[in-house]
């Protein structure tokens, strides 16, 4: 990933400013931006009116824009009493969540506040978020729309309200322990202690970075303050159906982080592969193909279906090999499963004296476990196992 870091007051200086030493009580505001040129001047004006002189504050914009947002920040920053820096990413890896993680790598203050640039997150609440963390000893303080005194009024229309509420319920249902005490895990407005974040553990996908932080970093203590979600100051929402799909993929990746959960997901995906398998078999036999070669070809349709789902839902962060290499290895293992199953059934019947049905069931379980282990070891190596392998999607 190529990045350019520059202070708005000195565009001709390519070096990053030296990070503030940890432990000075400072606050860094990380604000991810994508084409927000119409909002940044008003945002910085309101932050200037809201941020106290102590502890010292700085603003870090992590920008993925294709418009003149960096220039707009430069112009507006001239009137700010606090440092304003822009980290412009040439490639928006990980979306908004990836932008926040990139900002975490630059911040060294005691507290980090994450907020959007469109003013739906009210700037005057920044001191309250940090103050609540200091008072309560919390590692993470979330601005919640679902506490008394909070509101999601700024969500445009009943559809977005329903989607937001449904996403919240789904996330809390999947991660009841990690999200205990967080009423609004979909919030993009929160403060956290720098010591509570392990940036290397984060695998962001899309814009729900708070969910990623809460599940992977597990802050020891959390707190919340209510806030009213405001109307967008200018521009259009970046929430799209595509972001919704990325959110679902993100949930699946988080839920499948544990080996047992991955194995269960692997099995469930394998079951869904019967649908394209049977459909392809029906089409081929009705087209006149003999059922035996049709069975072989139809099995590949199920293999391809399973490969696509496993790639997207279970092993997004382990795609270190070239995609064709991964597909070939996966198909080889899936077809070898068929060749191994029959000898295993014969072994269980002949040597163990099992009936055919229990022997078949035991063979299915055995080959499934072996295929899962082999898939992880031979197709999707854990991160760090192939340090020199290029990552390709």
Protein backbone atom coordinates (compact mmCIF):
# COMPACT_ATOMS: atom_id res chain seq x y z
CA UNK A 1 0.00 0.00 0.00
CA UNK A 2 1.41 3.34 -1.03
CA UNK A 3 0.75 6.27 1.30
CA UNK A 4 1.59 9.95 1.35
CA UNK A 5 1.74 11.74 4.68
CA UNK A 6 1.83 15.48 4.85
CA UNK A 7 0.99 18.25 7.31
CA UNK A 8 -1.45 20.67 5.61
CA UNK A 9 0.75 23.63 6.54
CA UNK A 10 3.79 22.16 4.76
CA UNK A 11 2.85 20.17 1.66
CA UNK A 12 6.42 20.23 0.42
CA UNK A 13 7.69 18.21 3.40
CA UNK A 14 7.18 14.49 2.70
CA UNK A 15 8.27 13.21 6.08
CA UNK A 16 5.68 12.38 8.71
CA UNK A 17 5.73 14.56 11.82
CA UNK A 18 7.27 12.85 14.82
CA UNK A 19 4.58 11.06 16.84
CA UNK A 20 3.78 12.42 20.25
CA UNK A 21 5.28 10.35 23.03
CA UNK A 22 2.92 7.90 24.68
CA UNK A 23 1.78 8.76 28.17
CA UNK A 24 1.40 12.53 27.73
CA UNK A 25 -2.36 12.41 28.08
CA UNK A 26 -2.91 13.56 24.50
CA UNK A 27 -5.85 12.77 22.24
CA UNK A 28 -5.69 11.88 18.55
CA UNK A 29 -8.86 12.15 16.47
CA UNK A 30 -8.78 9.70 13.56
CA UNK A 31 -11.22 10.78 10.85
CA UNK A 32 -11.47 8.56 7.75
CA UNK A 33 -12.58 10.47 4.66
CA UNK A 34 -13.77 9.59 1.19
CA UNK A 35 -14.83 12.56 -0.92
CA UNK A 36 -15.90 14.75 2.01
CA UNK A 37 -14.57 18.10 0.72
CA UNK A 38 -17.88 19.86 1.45
CA UNK A 39 -17.80 18.81 5.12
CA UNK A 40 -14.26 19.22 6.41
CA UNK A 41 -14.26 23.02 6.89
CA UNK A 42 -17.39 22.93 9.05
CA UNK A 43 -16.09 19.87 10.91
CA UNK A 44 -12.79 21.56 11.81
CA UNK A 45 -14.62 24.74 12.80
CA UNK A 46 -16.84 22.82 15.22
CA UNK A 47 -13.88 20.86 16.58
CA UNK A 48 -12.05 24.14 17.18
CA UNK A 49 -15.02 25.32 19.22
CA UNK A 50 -15.32 22.04 21.13
CA UNK A 51 -11.83 20.74 21.92
CA UNK A 52 -10.16 21.94 25.13
CA UNK A 53 -6.56 23.13 25.24
CA UNK A 54 -5.68 20.31 27.64
CA UNK A 55 -5.05 17.51 27.11
CA UNK A 56 -3.35 18.38 23.81
CA UNK A 57 -5.31 17.23 20.77
CA UNK A 58 -4.40 16.53 17.18
CA UNK A 59 -6.54 15.56 14.17
CA UNK A 60 -5.45 12.90 11.71
CA UNK A 61 -7.49 12.56 8.51
CA UNK A 62 -6.95 9.23 6.73
CA UNK A 63 -8.07 10.03 3.23
CA UNK A 64 -9.10 7.74 0.37
CA UNK A 65 -10.69 10.53 -1.66
CA UNK A 66 -10.73 10.99 -5.41
CA UNK A 67 -11.86 14.63 -5.14
CA UNK A 68 -10.24 17.73 -3.61
CA UNK A 69 -10.78 16.72 0.02
CA UNK A 70 -7.04 17.00 0.90
CA UNK A 71 -6.93 20.55 -0.47
CA UNK A 72 -10.08 21.45 1.47
CA UNK A 73 -8.48 20.14 4.67
CA UNK A 74 -5.31 22.12 4.00
CA UNK A 75 -7.28 25.34 3.62
CA UNK A 76 -9.48 24.79 6.69
CA UNK A 77 -6.57 23.68 8.89
CA UNK A 78 -4.93 27.08 8.64
CA UNK A 79 -7.33 28.42 11.29
CA UNK A 80 -7.08 25.48 13.70
CA UNK A 81 -5.23 25.82 17.03
CA UNK A 82 -4.31 22.12 17.02
CA UNK A 83 -2.18 20.06 14.59
CA UNK A 84 -4.02 18.70 11.57
CA UNK A 85 -2.42 15.95 9.47
CA UNK A 86 -3.58 14.06 6.38
CA UNK A 87 -2.54 10.52 5.56
CA UNK A 88 -3.60 9.99 1.95
CA UNK A 89 -3.81 6.34 0.90
CA UNK A 90 -3.27 5.52 -2.76
CA UNK A 91 -5.22 2.28 -2.30
CA UNK A 92 -8.28 2.12 0.00
CA UNK A 93 -7.41 -1.30 1.44
CA UNK A 94 -10.01 -2.50 3.95
CA UNK A 95 -12.34 0.43 3.29
CA UNK A 96 -13.12 2.79 6.14
CA UNK A 97 -12.02 0.21 8.69
CA UNK A 98 -8.67 -0.11 6.95
CA UNK A 99 -8.31 3.67 7.04
CA UNK A 100 -8.81 3.67 10.81
CA UNK A 101 -6.21 0.92 11.27
CA UNK A 102 -3.77 2.92 9.14
CA UNK A 103 -4.39 5.87 11.46
CA UNK A 104 -3.78 3.71 14.53
CA UNK A 105 -0.30 3.01 13.22
CA UNK A 106 0.45 6.76 13.26
CA UNK A 107 -1.16 7.70 16.58
CA UNK A 108 0.82 7.55 19.83
CA UNK A 109 -1.34 9.60 22.21
CA UNK A 110 -3.01 8.10 25.27
CA UNK A 111 -6.49 8.34 23.78
CA UNK A 112 -7.78 7.84 20.24
CA UNK A 113 -11.18 9.05 19.10
CA UNK A 114 -12.70 7.74 15.87
CA UNK A 115 -15.45 9.72 14.15
CA UNK A 116 -16.88 10.40 10.70
CA UNK A 117 -16.31 13.59 8.74
CA UNK A 118 -19.94 14.20 7.71
CA UNK A 119 -20.95 15.74 11.09
CA UNK A 120 -23.44 13.01 11.89
CA UNK A 121 -21.18 12.47 14.90
CA UNK A 122 -21.40 15.72 16.92
CA UNK A 123 -17.89 17.13 17.61
CA UNK A 124 -18.87 18.60 20.98
CA UNK A 125 -19.11 15.05 22.39
CA UNK A 126 -15.41 14.31 21.87
CA UNK A 127 -14.36 15.68 25.30
CA UNK A 128 -17.23 13.81 26.94
CA UNK A 129 -16.15 10.48 25.44
CA UNK A 130 -12.58 10.88 26.71
CA UNK A 131 -13.76 12.28 30.04
CA UNK A 132 -16.05 9.28 30.60
CA UNK A 133 -13.13 6.97 29.93
CA UNK A 134 -10.96 8.79 32.47
CA UNK A 135 -13.72 8.84 35.09
CA UNK A 136 -14.77 5.20 34.71
CA UNK A 137 -11.38 3.67 33.91
CA UNK A 138 -12.83 2.21 30.71
CA UNK A 139 -10.60 1.17 27.81
CA UNK A 140 -13.36 1.79 25.25
CA UNK A 141 -16.11 4.41 25.36
CA UNK A 142 -18.85 4.13 22.73
CA UNK A 143 -21.22 6.89 21.65
CA UNK A 144 -24.52 5.01 21.56
CA UNK A 145 -27.76 5.85 19.79
CA UNK A 146 -29.64 3.34 21.93
CA UNK A 147 -29.12 4.74 25.42
CA UNK A 148 -31.70 7.05 27.05
CA UNK A 149 -31.00 10.46 25.59
CA UNK A 150 -29.63 9.00 22.36
CA UNK A 151 -31.35 8.82 18.99
CA UNK A 152 -30.81 7.49 15.47
CA UNK A 153 -32.78 10.42 14.01
CA UNK A 154 -30.14 11.15 11.37
CA UNK A 155 -30.70 7.83 9.59
CA UNK A 156 -32.52 8.65 6.36
CA UNK A 157 -35.77 6.70 6.10
CA UNK A 158 -37.33 3.66 7.72
CA UNK A 159 -35.32 1.28 5.54
CA UNK A 160 -31.95 2.44 6.91
CA UNK A 161 -33.32 2.41 10.45
CA UNK A 162 -34.49 -1.20 10.00
CA UNK A 163 -31.18 -2.26 8.43
CA UNK A 164 -29.19 -0.60 11.23
CA UNK A 165 -31.29 -2.19 13.95
CA UNK A 166 -31.16 -5.60 12.25
CA UNK A 167 -27.38 -5.40 11.89
CA UNK A 168 -27.08 -4.51 15.58
CA UNK A 169 -29.21 -7.47 16.67
CA UNK A 170 -27.32 -9.82 14.38
CA UNK A 171 -23.92 -8.69 15.65
CA UNK A 172 -24.93 -8.93 19.31
CA UNK A 173 -26.48 -12.35 18.71
CA UNK A 174 -23.27 -13.66 17.13
CA UNK A 175 -20.93 -12.11 19.71
CA UNK A 176 -22.82 -11.89 23.01
CA UNK A 177 -19.71 -12.00 25.20
CA UNK A 178 -17.50 -9.63 23.23
CA UNK A 179 -20.30 -7.08 22.87
CA UNK A 180 -21.62 -7.30 26.41
CA UNK A 181 -22.11 -3.75 27.64
CA UNK A 182 -22.07 -2.26 24.12
CA UNK A 183 -25.60 -1.34 23.07
CA UNK A 184 -24.54 0.12 19.71
CA UNK A 185 -21.78 -2.01 18.12
CA UNK A 186 -22.57 -0.41 14.74
CA UNK A 187 -21.51 3.02 16.03
CA UNK A 188 -18.61 4.65 14.25
CA UNK A 189 -18.06 7.18 17.04
CA UNK A 190 -15.96 6.03 20.00
CA UNK A 191 -12.87 6.66 22.12
CA UNK A 192 -10.30 4.09 23.18
CA UNK A 193 -7.06 3.91 25.08
CA UNK A 194 -4.11 3.35 22.78
CA UNK A 195 -2.82 0.58 25.07
CA UNK A 196 -6.05 -1.40 24.57
CA UNK A 197 -5.58 -1.74 20.81
CA UNK A 198 -3.46 -4.35 19.08
CA UNK A 199 -3.40 -3.06 15.53
CA UNK A 200 -1.68 -6.17 14.16
CA UNK A 201 -4.65 -8.28 15.28
CA UNK A 202 -7.14 -6.28 13.23
CA UNK A 203 -8.44 -7.50 9.86
CA UNK A 204 -10.87 -4.73 8.85
CA UNK A 205 -13.39 -5.17 6.05
CA UNK A 206 -15.74 -2.28 5.36
CA UNK A 207 -16.90 0.40 7.72
CA UNK A 208 -17.81 -1.35 11.00
CA UNK A 209 -14.46 -0.90 12.70
CA UNK A 210 -15.88 -0.79 16.25
CA UNK A 211 -17.17 -4.36 15.86
CA UNK A 212 -13.70 -5.44 14.69
CA UNK A 213 -12.00 -3.75 17.67
CA UNK A 214 -14.43 -5.12 20.25
CA UNK A 215 -14.27 -8.72 19.00
CA UNK A 216 -10.56 -9.02 18.24
CA UNK A 217 -9.04 -6.79 20.95
CA UNK A 218 -11.56 -7.52 23.74
CA UNK A 219 -11.14 -4.33 25.83
CA UNK A 220 -11.28 -5.16 29.53
CA UNK A 221 -13.80 -2.48 30.42
CA UNK A 222 -16.27 -0.52 28.30
CA UNK A 223 -18.50 2.47 28.87
CA UNK A 224 -21.06 4.36 26.82
CA UNK A 225 -22.46 7.85 26.45
CA UNK A 226 -25.67 8.67 24.59
CA UNK A 227 -25.61 10.69 21.39
CA UNK A 228 -28.09 11.89 18.82
CA UNK A 229 -27.12 10.76 15.33
CA UNK A 230 -27.30 13.95 13.26
CA UNK A 231 -28.32 14.62 9.68
CA UNK A 232 -25.49 14.63 7.17
CA UNK A 233 -24.10 18.15 6.74
CA UNK A 234 -23.38 17.78 3.00
CA UNK A 235 -22.94 15.09 0.38
CA UNK A 236 -24.43 11.61 0.16
CA UNK A 237 -24.23 8.57 2.40
CA UNK A 238 -21.56 6.00 1.57
CA UNK A 239 -23.79 3.20 2.89
CA UNK A 240 -24.67 0.94 -0.06
CA UNK A 241 -25.87 -2.59 -0.70
CA UNK A 242 -22.26 -3.51 -1.45
CA UNK A 243 -21.21 -2.28 2.00
CA UNK A 244 -24.02 -4.40 3.45
CA UNK A 245 -22.58 -7.50 1.78
CA UNK A 246 -19.11 -6.61 3.06
CA UNK A 247 -20.59 -6.33 6.55
CA UNK A 248 -22.04 -9.83 6.32
CA UNK A 249 -18.70 -11.17 5.07
CA UNK A 250 -16.99 -9.36 7.95
CA UNK A 251 -19.35 -10.99 10.46
CA UNK A 252 -18.60 -14.40 8.98
CA UNK A 253 -14.84 -13.79 9.14
CA UNK A 254 -15.03 -12.69 12.78
CA UNK A 255 -17.25 -15.59 13.78
CA UNK A 256 -15.02 -18.14 12.04
CA UNK A 257 -11.80 -16.93 13.66
CA UNK A 258 -11.75 -19.93 16.03
CA UNK A 259 -10.80 -23.34 14.53
CA UNK A 260 -13.99 -25.06 15.76
CA UNK A 261 -16.15 -22.30 14.31
CA UNK A 262 -14.28 -22.56 11.00
CA UNK A 263 -14.85 -26.30 10.93
CA UNK A 264 -18.58 -25.85 11.54
CA UNK A 265 -18.74 -23.20 8.83
CA UNK A 266 -16.77 -25.47 6.49
CA UNK A 267 -19.33 -28.23 7.03
CA UNK A 268 -22.34 -25.97 6.56
CA UNK A 269 -20.91 -24.59 3.34
CA UNK A 270 -20.25 -28.15 2.18
CA UNK A 271 -23.92 -29.00 2.74
CA UNK A 272 -25.04 -26.10 0.57
CA UNK A 273 -22.86 -27.53 -2.23
CA UNK A 274 -25.44 -30.29 -2.77
CA UNK A 275 -27.77 -27.74 -4.40
CA UNK A 276 -25.55 -26.77 -7.38
CA UNK A 277 -24.34 -30.37 -7.57
CA UNK A 278 -27.86 -31.78 -7.99
CA UNK A 279 -28.92 -28.95 -10.29
CA UNK A 280 -25.94 -29.55 -12.58
CA UNK A 281 -26.62 -33.31 -12.55
CA UNK A 282 -30.25 -32.72 -13.56
CA UNK A 283 -29.27 -30.39 -16.39
CA UNK A 284 -26.56 -32.72 -17.73
CA UNK A 285 -28.66 -35.89 -17.67
CA UNK A 286 -31.62 -34.10 -19.27
CA UNK A 287 -29.23 -32.88 -21.97
CA UNK A 288 -28.43 -36.53 -22.79
CA UNK A 289 -25.16 -37.12 -20.90
CA UNK A 290 -24.71 -40.55 -19.31
CA UNK A 291 -25.25 -40.40 -15.57
CA UNK A 292 -21.72 -41.55 -14.62
CA UNK A 293 -19.75 -38.78 -16.38
CA UNK A 294 -22.59 -36.42 -15.44
CA UNK A 295 -21.98 -37.26 -11.76
CA UNK A 296 -18.28 -36.41 -12.11
CA UNK A 297 -18.92 -33.12 -13.89
CA UNK A 298 -21.77 -32.15 -11.55
CA UNK A 299 -19.54 -32.74 -8.54
CA UNK A 300 -17.23 -30.00 -9.86
CA UNK A 301 -20.14 -27.54 -9.76
CA UNK A 302 -20.51 -28.23 -6.05
CA UNK A 303 -16.74 -27.94 -5.57
CA UNK A 304 -16.68 -24.54 -7.30
CA UNK A 305 -19.65 -23.33 -5.22
CA UNK A 306 -17.97 -24.41 -2.01
CA UNK A 307 -14.68 -22.81 -3.04
CA UNK A 308 -16.27 -19.41 -3.67
CA UNK A 309 -18.12 -19.38 -0.34
CA UNK A 310 -15.14 -20.62 1.66
CA UNK A 311 -12.92 -17.98 0.03
CA UNK A 312 -15.33 -15.18 0.92
CA UNK A 313 -16.59 -16.30 4.31
CA UNK A 314 -13.87 -18.34 6.01
CA UNK A 315 -10.43 -17.62 4.62
CA UNK A 316 -10.39 -14.04 3.32
CA UNK A 317 -7.20 -13.25 5.24
CA UNK A 318 -5.40 -16.47 4.25
CA UNK A 319 -5.44 -16.13 0.48
CA UNK A 320 -1.66 -16.07 0.18
CA UNK A 321 -1.37 -18.33 -2.85
CA UNK A 322 -2.48 -17.41 -6.36
CA UNK A 323 -6.23 -17.98 -6.80
CA UNK A 324 -5.68 -20.65 -9.50
CA UNK A 325 -3.32 -22.52 -7.17
CA UNK A 326 -5.89 -22.36 -4.38
CA UNK A 327 -8.69 -23.57 -6.63
CA UNK A 328 -6.62 -26.45 -8.01
CA UNK A 329 -5.58 -27.64 -4.55
CA UNK A 330 -9.12 -27.29 -3.21
CA UNK A 331 -10.62 -29.25 -6.13
CA UNK A 332 -8.00 -31.98 -5.77
CA UNK A 333 -8.80 -32.42 -2.07
CA UNK A 334 -12.55 -32.38 -2.69
CA UNK A 335 -12.34 -35.08 -5.36
CA UNK A 336 -9.86 -37.14 -3.36
CA UNK A 337 -12.52 -37.23 -0.65
CA UNK A 338 -14.67 -39.40 -2.95
CA UNK A 339 -11.79 -41.82 -3.65
CA UNK A 340 -10.93 -42.16 0.04
CA UNK A 341 -14.46 -42.71 1.27
CA UNK A 342 -15.07 -46.09 -0.39
CA UNK A 343 -11.91 -47.78 0.98
CA UNK A 344 -12.74 -46.38 4.42
CA UNK A 345 -16.23 -47.85 4.30
CA UNK A 346 -14.78 -51.23 3.30
CA UNK A 347 -12.26 -50.98 6.16
CA UNK A 348 -14.92 -50.12 8.76
CA UNK A 349 -17.19 -52.93 7.59
CA UNK A 350 -14.49 -55.59 7.11
CA UNK A 351 -12.18 -54.84 10.03
CA UNK A 352 -14.46 -53.19 12.61
CA UNK A 353 -17.58 -55.22 11.80
CA UNK A 354 -19.82 -52.15 11.40
CA UNK A 355 -23.04 -52.20 9.44
CA UNK A 356 -23.00 -50.38 6.10
CA UNK A 357 -24.95 -47.30 7.26
CA UNK A 358 -22.88 -46.57 10.40
CA UNK A 359 -19.70 -47.35 8.45
CA UNK A 360 -20.75 -44.84 5.77
CA UNK A 361 -21.56 -42.18 8.39
CA UNK A 362 -18.21 -42.71 10.13
CA UNK A 363 -16.39 -42.53 6.79
CA UNK A 364 -18.18 -39.26 5.96
CA UNK A 365 -17.14 -37.73 9.29
CA UNK A 366 -13.55 -38.97 8.94
CA UNK A 367 -13.08 -37.68 5.40
CA UNK A 368 -14.72 -34.36 6.33
CA UNK A 369 -12.28 -33.79 9.21
CA UNK A 370 -9.34 -34.83 7.06
CA UNK A 371 -10.45 -32.55 4.22
CA UNK A 372 -10.88 -29.59 6.58
CA UNK A 373 -7.42 -30.09 8.11
CA UNK A 374 -5.85 -30.57 4.68
CA UNK A 375 -7.63 -27.49 3.30
CA UNK A 376 -6.27 -25.31 6.10
CA UNK A 377 -2.75 -26.76 5.83
CA UNK A 378 -2.37 -27.10 2.05
CA UNK A 379 -4.64 -24.40 0.59
CA UNK A 380 -5.04 -21.63 3.18
CA UNK A 381 -1.89 -21.29 5.24
CA UNK A 382 -2.14 -19.21 8.43
CA UNK A 383 -0.86 -15.65 8.22
CA UNK A 384 2.91 -15.58 8.59
CA UNK A 385 3.48 -19.15 7.38
CA UNK A 386 4.49 -17.90 3.95
CA UNK A 387 6.23 -14.64 4.67
CA UNK A 388 7.45 -14.24 1.11
CA UNK A 389 4.27 -15.34 -0.62
CA UNK A 390 2.42 -12.56 -2.48
CA UNK A 391 -1.18 -11.93 -1.51
CA UNK A 392 -3.60 -12.08 -4.38
CA UNK A 393 -7.36 -11.89 -4.40
